[in-house]
Amino acid sequence: MGDLGHICGEGSGRESKKRSMMLSLQRYNSWKMDLTGFVQKTLIKVLFCFIFRQFGIHYEVS
């Protein structure tokens, strides 16, 4: 992380605002990654179901 001088020193308001922006951005990115992974898994499951159904194979999604 950044050095403590910025937090305690001058311009701390701007620094803390920038820091909170960075934190919220990181949180958003991790949330986006989770969502993307979930969507990919769901899409893969649906795709498998569709493909197996086309070939007449019954595939159970757990």
PDB file of N, CA and C in Angstrom:
ATOM      1  N   MET A   1       0.844  -1.186   0.000  1.00  0.00           N
ATOM      2  CA  MET A   1       0.000   0.000   0.000  1.00  0.00           C
ATOM      3  C   MET A   1       0.888   1.247   0.000  1.00  0.00           C
ATOM      4  N   GLY A   2       0.240   2.428   0.031  1.00  0.00           N
ATOM      5  CA  GLY A   2       0.984   3.677   0.030  1.00  0.00           C
ATOM      6  C   GLY A   2       1.697   3.905   1.351  1.00  0.00           C
ATOM      7  N   ASP A   3       2.585   4.902   1.363  1.00  0.00           N
ATOM      8  CA  ASP A   3       3.303   5.180   2.601  1.00  0.00           C
ATOM      9  C   ASP A   3       2.441   6.024   3.532  1.00  0.00           C
ATOM     10  N   LEU A   4       2.739   5.917   4.839  1.00  0.00           N
ATOM     11  CA  LEU A   4       1.923   6.582   5.858  1.00  0.00           C
ATOM     12  C   LEU A   4       2.030   8.100   5.803  1.00  0.00           C
ATOM     13  N   GLY A   5       3.097   8.612   5.219  1.00  0.00           N
ATOM     14  CA  GLY A   5       3.270  10.060   5.139  1.00  0.00           C
ATOM     15  C   GLY A   5       2.108  10.739   4.435  1.00  0.00           C
ATOM     16  N   HIS A   6       1.564  10.093   3.440  1.00  0.00           N
ATOM     17  CA  HIS A   6       0.448  10.675   2.701  1.00  0.00           C
ATOM     18  C   HIS A   6      -0.807  10.735   3.550  1.00  0.00           C
ATOM     19  N   ILE A   7      -1.012   9.715   4.390  1.00  0.00           N
ATOM     20  CA  ILE A   7      -2.216   9.680   5.218  1.00  0.00           C
ATOM     21  C   ILE A   7      -2.164  10.771   6.278  1.00  0.00           C
ATOM     22  N   CYS A   8      -1.006  10.905   6.954  1.00  0.00           N
ATOM     23  CA  CYS A   8      -0.883  11.843   8.073  1.00  0.00           C
ATOM     24  C   CYS A   8      -0.503  13.239   7.601  1.00  0.00           C
ATOM     25  N   GLY A   9       0.158  13.318   6.450  1.00  0.00           N
ATOM     26  CA  GLY A   9       0.684  14.598   5.989  1.00  0.00           C
ATOM     27  C   GLY A   9      -0.359  15.461   5.299  1.00  0.00           C
ATOM     28  N   GLU A  10       0.133  16.439   4.511  1.00  0.00           N
ATOM     29  CA  GLU A  10      -0.761  17.366   3.822  1.00  0.00           C
ATOM     30  C   GLU A  10      -1.481  16.658   2.682  1.00  0.00           C
ATOM     31  N   GLY A  11      -2.624  17.213   2.311  1.00  0.00           N
ATOM     32  CA  GLY A  11      -3.400  16.614   1.227  1.00  0.00           C
ATOM     33  C   GLY A  11      -3.975  15.271   1.613  1.00  0.00           C
ATOM     34  N   SER A  12      -4.161  15.052   2.927  1.00  0.00           N
ATOM     35  CA  SER A  12      -4.654  13.747   3.379  1.00  0.00           C
ATOM     36  C   SER A  12      -6.089  13.526   2.916  1.00  0.00           C
ATOM     37  N   GLY A  13      -6.871  14.603   2.829  1.00  0.00           N
ATOM     38  CA  GLY A  13      -8.257  14.468   2.384  1.00  0.00           C
ATOM     39  C   GLY A  13      -8.320  13.911   0.973  1.00  0.00           C
ATOM     40  N   ARG A  14      -7.502  14.494   0.097  1.00  0.00           N
ATOM     41  CA  ARG A  14      -7.486  14.041  -1.290  1.00  0.00           C
ATOM     42  C   ARG A  14      -6.969  12.610  -1.370  1.00  0.00           C
ATOM     43  N   GLU A  15      -5.930  12.320  -0.585  1.00  0.00           N
ATOM     44  CA  GLU A  15      -5.353  10.974  -0.595  1.00  0.00           C
ATOM     45  C   GLU A  15      -6.365   9.938  -0.121  1.00  0.00           C
ATOM     46  N   SER A  16      -7.072  10.252   0.978  1.00  0.00           N
ATOM     47  CA  SER A  16      -8.026   9.274   1.510  1.00  0.00           C
ATOM     48  C   SER A  16      -9.162   9.064   0.515  1.00  0.00           C
ATOM     49  N   LYS A  17      -9.552  10.145  -0.173  1.00  0.00           N
ATOM     50  CA  LYS A  17     -10.611  10.011  -1.177  1.00  0.00           C
ATOM     51  C   LYS A  17     -10.136   9.096  -2.301  1.00  0.00           C
ATOM     52  N   LYS A  18      -8.895   9.331  -2.735  1.00  0.00           N
ATOM     53  CA  LYS A  18      -8.333   8.500  -3.803  1.00  0.00           C
ATOM     54  C   LYS A  18      -8.219   7.051  -3.335  1.00  0.00           C
ATOM     55  N   ARG A  19      -7.814   6.875  -2.051  1.00  0.00           N
ATOM     56  CA  ARG A  19      -7.664   5.533  -1.489  1.00  0.00           C
ATOM     57  C   ARG A  19      -9.011   4.809  -1.451  1.00  0.00           C
ATOM     58  N   SER A  20     -10.053   5.522  -1.000  1.00  0.00           N
ATOM     59  CA  SER A  20     -11.374   4.887  -0.936  1.00  0.00           C
ATOM     60  C   SER A  20     -11.871   4.561  -2.343  1.00  0.00           C
ATOM     61  N   MET A  21     -11.550   5.433  -3.312  1.00  0.00           N
ATOM     62  CA  MET A  21     -11.901   5.152  -4.704  1.00  0.00           C
ATOM     63  C   MET A  21     -11.242   3.856  -5.159  1.00  0.00           C
ATOM     64  N   MET A  22      -9.940   3.731  -4.847  1.00  0.00           N
ATOM     65  CA  MET A  22      -9.211   2.526  -5.234  1.00  0.00           C
ATOM     66  C   MET A  22      -9.821   1.290  -4.580  1.00  0.00           C
ATOM     67  N   LEU A  23     -10.156   1.396  -3.282  1.00  0.00           N
ATOM     68  CA  LEU A  23     -10.728   0.257  -2.567  1.00  0.00           C
ATOM     69  C   LEU A  23     -12.059  -0.154  -3.175  1.00  0.00           C
ATOM     70  N   SER A  24     -12.910   0.838  -3.455  1.00  0.00           N
ATOM     71  CA  SER A  24     -14.214   0.505  -4.030  1.00  0.00           C
ATOM     72  C   SER A  24     -14.029  -0.089  -5.426  1.00  0.00           C
ATOM     73  N   LEU A  25     -13.024   0.394  -6.156  1.00  0.00           N
ATOM     74  CA  LEU A  25     -12.747  -0.145  -7.486  1.00  0.00           C
ATOM     75  C   LEU A  25     -12.304  -1.600  -7.385  1.00  0.00           C
ATOM     76  N   GLN A  26     -11.422  -1.893  -6.404  1.00  0.00           N
ATOM     77  CA  GLN A  26     -10.983  -3.277  -6.202  1.00  0.00           C
ATOM     78  C   GLN A  26     -12.165  -4.161  -5.836  1.00  0.00           C
ATOM     79  N   ARG A  27     -13.040  -3.651  -4.942  1.00  0.00           N
ATOM     80  CA  ARG A  27     -14.199  -4.428  -4.524  1.00  0.00           C
ATOM     81  C   ARG A  27     -15.092  -4.708  -5.738  1.00  0.00           C
ATOM     82  N   TYR A  28     -15.290  -3.667  -6.571  1.00  0.00           N
ATOM     83  CA  TYR A  28     -16.118  -3.818  -7.762  1.00  0.00           C
ATOM     84  C   TYR A  28     -15.510  -4.835  -8.716  1.00  0.00           C
ATOM     85  N   ASN A  29     -14.189  -4.770  -8.882  1.00  0.00           N
ATOM     86  CA  ASN A  29     -13.519  -5.711  -9.784  1.00  0.00           C
ATOM     87  C   ASN A  29     -13.665  -7.144  -9.307  1.00  0.00           C
ATOM     88  N   SER A  30     -13.495  -7.378  -7.995  1.00  0.00           N
ATOM     89  CA  SER A  30     -13.622  -8.743  -7.476  1.00  0.00           C
ATOM     90  C   SER A  30     -15.063  -9.223  -7.632  1.00  0.00           C
ATOM     91  N   TRP A  31     -16.020  -8.311  -7.396  1.00  0.00           N
ATOM     92  CA  TRP A  31     -17.433  -8.651  -7.573  1.00  0.00           C
ATOM     93  C   TRP A  31     -17.705  -9.003  -9.030  1.00  0.00           C
ATOM     94  N   LYS A  32     -17.105  -8.206  -9.931  1.00  0.00           N
ATOM     95  CA  LYS A  32     -17.292  -8.447 -11.364  1.00  0.00           C
ATOM     96  C   LYS A  32     -16.705  -9.799 -11.752  1.00  0.00           C
ATOM     97  N   MET A  33     -15.536 -10.132 -11.177  1.00  0.00           N
ATOM     98  CA  MET A  33     -14.914 -11.428 -11.460  1.00  0.00           C
ATOM     99  C   MET A  33     -15.821 -12.565 -10.997  1.00  0.00           C
ATOM    100  N   ASP A  34     -16.376 -12.426  -9.778  1.00  0.00           N
ATOM    101  CA  ASP A  34     -17.288 -13.450  -9.257  1.00  0.00           C
ATOM    102  C   ASP A  34     -18.472 -13.617 -10.191  1.00  0.00           C
ATOM    103  N   LEU A  35     -19.056 -12.491 -10.607  1.00  0.00           N
ATOM    104  CA  LEU A  35     -20.231 -12.530 -11.475  1.00  0.00           C
ATOM    105  C   LEU A  35     -19.877 -13.178 -12.807  1.00  0.00           C
ATOM    106  N   THR A  36     -18.717 -12.808 -13.366  1.00  0.00           N
ATOM    107  CA  THR A  36     -18.294 -13.369 -14.646  1.00  0.00           C
ATOM    108  C   THR A  36     -18.117 -14.874 -14.536  1.00  0.00           C
ATOM    109  N   GLY A  37     -17.482 -15.326 -13.442  1.00  0.00           N
ATOM    110  CA  GLY A  37     -17.297 -16.762 -13.236  1.00  0.00           C
ATOM    111  C   GLY A  37     -18.621 -17.482 -13.138  1.00  0.00           C
ATOM    112  N   PHE A  38     -19.562 -16.888 -12.401  1.00  0.00           N
ATOM    113  CA  PHE A  38     -20.882 -17.492 -12.238  1.00  0.00           C
ATOM    114  C   PHE A  38     -21.591 -17.594 -13.586  1.00  0.00           C
ATOM    115  N   VAL A  39     -21.540 -16.523 -14.369  1.00  0.00           N
ATOM    116  CA  VAL A  39     -22.188 -16.507 -15.681  1.00  0.00           C
ATOM    117  C   VAL A  39     -21.560 -17.550 -16.590  1.00  0.00           C
ATOM    118  N   GLN A  40     -20.228 -17.649 -16.569  1.00  0.00           N
ATOM    119  CA  GLN A  40     -19.549 -18.632 -17.411  1.00  0.00           C
ATOM    120  C   GLN A  40     -19.963 -20.045 -17.033  1.00  0.00           C
ATOM    121  N   LYS A  41     -19.999 -20.343 -15.724  1.00  0.00           N
ATOM    122  CA  LYS A  41     -20.401 -21.679 -15.280  1.00  0.00           C
ATOM    123  C   LYS A  41     -21.815 -21.989 -15.733  1.00  0.00           C
ATOM    124  N   THR A  42     -22.716 -21.014 -15.558  1.00  0.00           N
ATOM    125  CA  THR A  42     -24.110 -21.215 -15.945  1.00  0.00           C
ATOM    126  C   THR A  42     -24.213 -21.443 -17.446  1.00  0.00           C
ATOM    127  N   LEU A  43     -23.490 -20.639 -18.224  1.00  0.00           N
ATOM    128  CA  LEU A  43     -23.532 -20.783 -19.676  1.00  0.00           C
ATOM    129  C   LEU A  43     -23.015 -22.150 -20.094  1.00  0.00           C
ATOM    130  N   ILE A  44     -21.931 -22.602 -19.457  1.00  0.00           N
ATOM    131  CA  ILE A  44     -21.367 -23.911 -19.792  1.00  0.00           C
ATOM    132  C   ILE A  44     -22.368 -25.009 -19.483  1.00  0.00           C
ATOM    133  N   LYS A  45     -23.031 -24.913 -18.312  1.00  0.00           N
ATOM    134  CA  LYS A  45     -24.035 -25.917 -17.946  1.00  0.00           C
ATOM    135  C   LYS A  45     -25.157 -25.952 -18.973  1.00  0.00           C
ATOM    136  N   VAL A  46     -25.654 -24.769 -19.329  1.00  0.00           N
ATOM    137  CA  VAL A  46     -26.754 -24.685 -20.295  1.00  0.00           C
ATOM    138  C   VAL A  46     -26.314 -25.248 -21.638  1.00  0.00           C
ATOM    139  N   LEU A  47     -25.091 -24.909 -22.039  1.00  0.00           N
ATOM    140  CA  LEU A  47     -24.557 -25.389 -23.311  1.00  0.00           C
ATOM    141  C   LEU A  47     -24.456 -26.909 -23.318  1.00  0.00           C
ATOM    142  N   PHE A  48     -23.942 -27.483 -22.220  1.00  0.00           N
ATOM    143  CA  PHE A  48     -23.842 -28.939 -22.117  1.00  0.00           C
ATOM    144  C   PHE A  48     -25.217 -29.580 -22.206  1.00  0.00           C
ATOM    145  N   CYS A  49     -26.185 -29.016 -21.476  1.00  0.00           N
ATOM    146  CA  CYS A  49     -27.546 -29.556 -21.508  1.00  0.00           C
ATOM    147  C   CYS A  49     -28.068 -29.549 -22.934  1.00  0.00           C
ATOM    148  N   PHE A  50     -27.876 -28.428 -23.616  1.00  0.00           N
ATOM    149  CA  PHE A  50     -28.377 -28.280 -24.977  1.00  0.00           C
ATOM    150  C   PHE A  50     -27.727 -29.302 -25.906  1.00  0.00           C
ATOM    151  N   ILE A  51     -26.394 -29.417 -25.824  1.00  0.00           N
ATOM    152  CA  ILE A  51     -25.662 -30.351 -26.688  1.00  0.00           C
ATOM    153  C   ILE A  51     -26.101 -31.784 -26.424  1.00  0.00           C
ATOM    154  N   PHE A  52     -26.158 -32.170 -25.145  1.00  0.00           N
ATOM    155  CA  PHE A  52     -26.545 -33.539 -24.810  1.00  0.00           C
ATOM    156  C   PHE A  52     -27.970 -33.830 -25.249  1.00  0.00           C
ATOM    157  N   ARG A  53     -28.843 -32.835 -25.139  1.00  0.00           N
ATOM    158  CA  ARG A  53     -30.223 -33.033 -25.547  1.00  0.00           C
ATOM    159  C   ARG A  53     -30.289 -33.244 -27.059  1.00  0.00           C
ATOM    160  N   GLN A  54     -29.435 -32.539 -27.787  1.00  0.00           N
ATOM    161  CA  GLN A  54     -29.399 -32.694 -29.239  1.00  0.00           C
ATOM    162  C   GLN A  54     -29.025 -34.123 -29.614  1.00  0.00           C
ATOM    163  N   PHE A  55     -28.109 -34.715 -28.853  1.00  0.00           N
ATOM    164  CA  PHE A  55     -27.667 -36.075 -29.140  1.00  0.00           C
ATOM    165  C   PHE A  55     -28.521 -37.122 -28.452  1.00  0.00           C
ATOM    166  N   GLY A  56     -29.577 -36.684 -27.755  1.00  0.00           N
ATOM    167  CA  GLY A  56     -30.472 -37.628 -27.106  1.00  0.00           C
ATOM    168  C   GLY A  56     -29.927 -38.199 -25.817  1.00  0.00           C
ATOM    169  N   ILE A  57     -28.909 -37.562 -25.257  1.00  0.00           N
ATOM    170  CA  ILE A  57     -28.352 -38.018 -23.989  1.00  0.00           C
ATOM    171  C   ILE A  57     -28.958 -37.164 -22.884  1.00  0.00           C
ATOM    172  N   HIS A  58     -29.463 -37.801 -21.858  1.00  0.00           N
ATOM    173  CA  HIS A  58     -30.041 -37.039 -20.758  1.00  0.00           C
ATOM    174  C   HIS A  58     -28.947 -36.720 -19.753  1.00  0.00           C
ATOM    175  N   TYR A  59     -28.725 -35.427 -19.560  1.00  0.00           N
ATOM    176  CA  TYR A  59     -27.638 -34.960 -18.704  1.00  0.00           C
ATOM    177  C   TYR A  59     -28.240 -34.217 -17.524  1.00  0.00           C
ATOM    178  N   GLU A  60     -27.943 -34.701 -16.330  1.00  0.00           N
ATOM    179  CA  GLU A  60     -28.469 -34.059 -15.123  1.00  0.00           C
ATOM    180  C   GLU A  60     -27.493 -32.987 -14.640  1.00  0.00           C
ATOM    181  N   VAL A  61     -28.002 -31.793 -14.451  1.00  0.00           N
ATOM    182  CA  VAL A  61     -27.168 -30.719 -13.918  1.00  0.00           C
ATOM    183  C   VAL A  61     -27.258 -30.747 -12.409  1.00  0.00           C
ATOM    184  N   SER A  62     -26.121 -30.917 -11.753  1.00  0.00           N
ATOM    185  CA  SER A  62     -26.135 -30.973 -10.291  1.00  0.00           C
ATOM    186  C   SER A  62     -26.183 -29.561  -9.729  1.00  0.00           C
TER     187      SER A  62
END
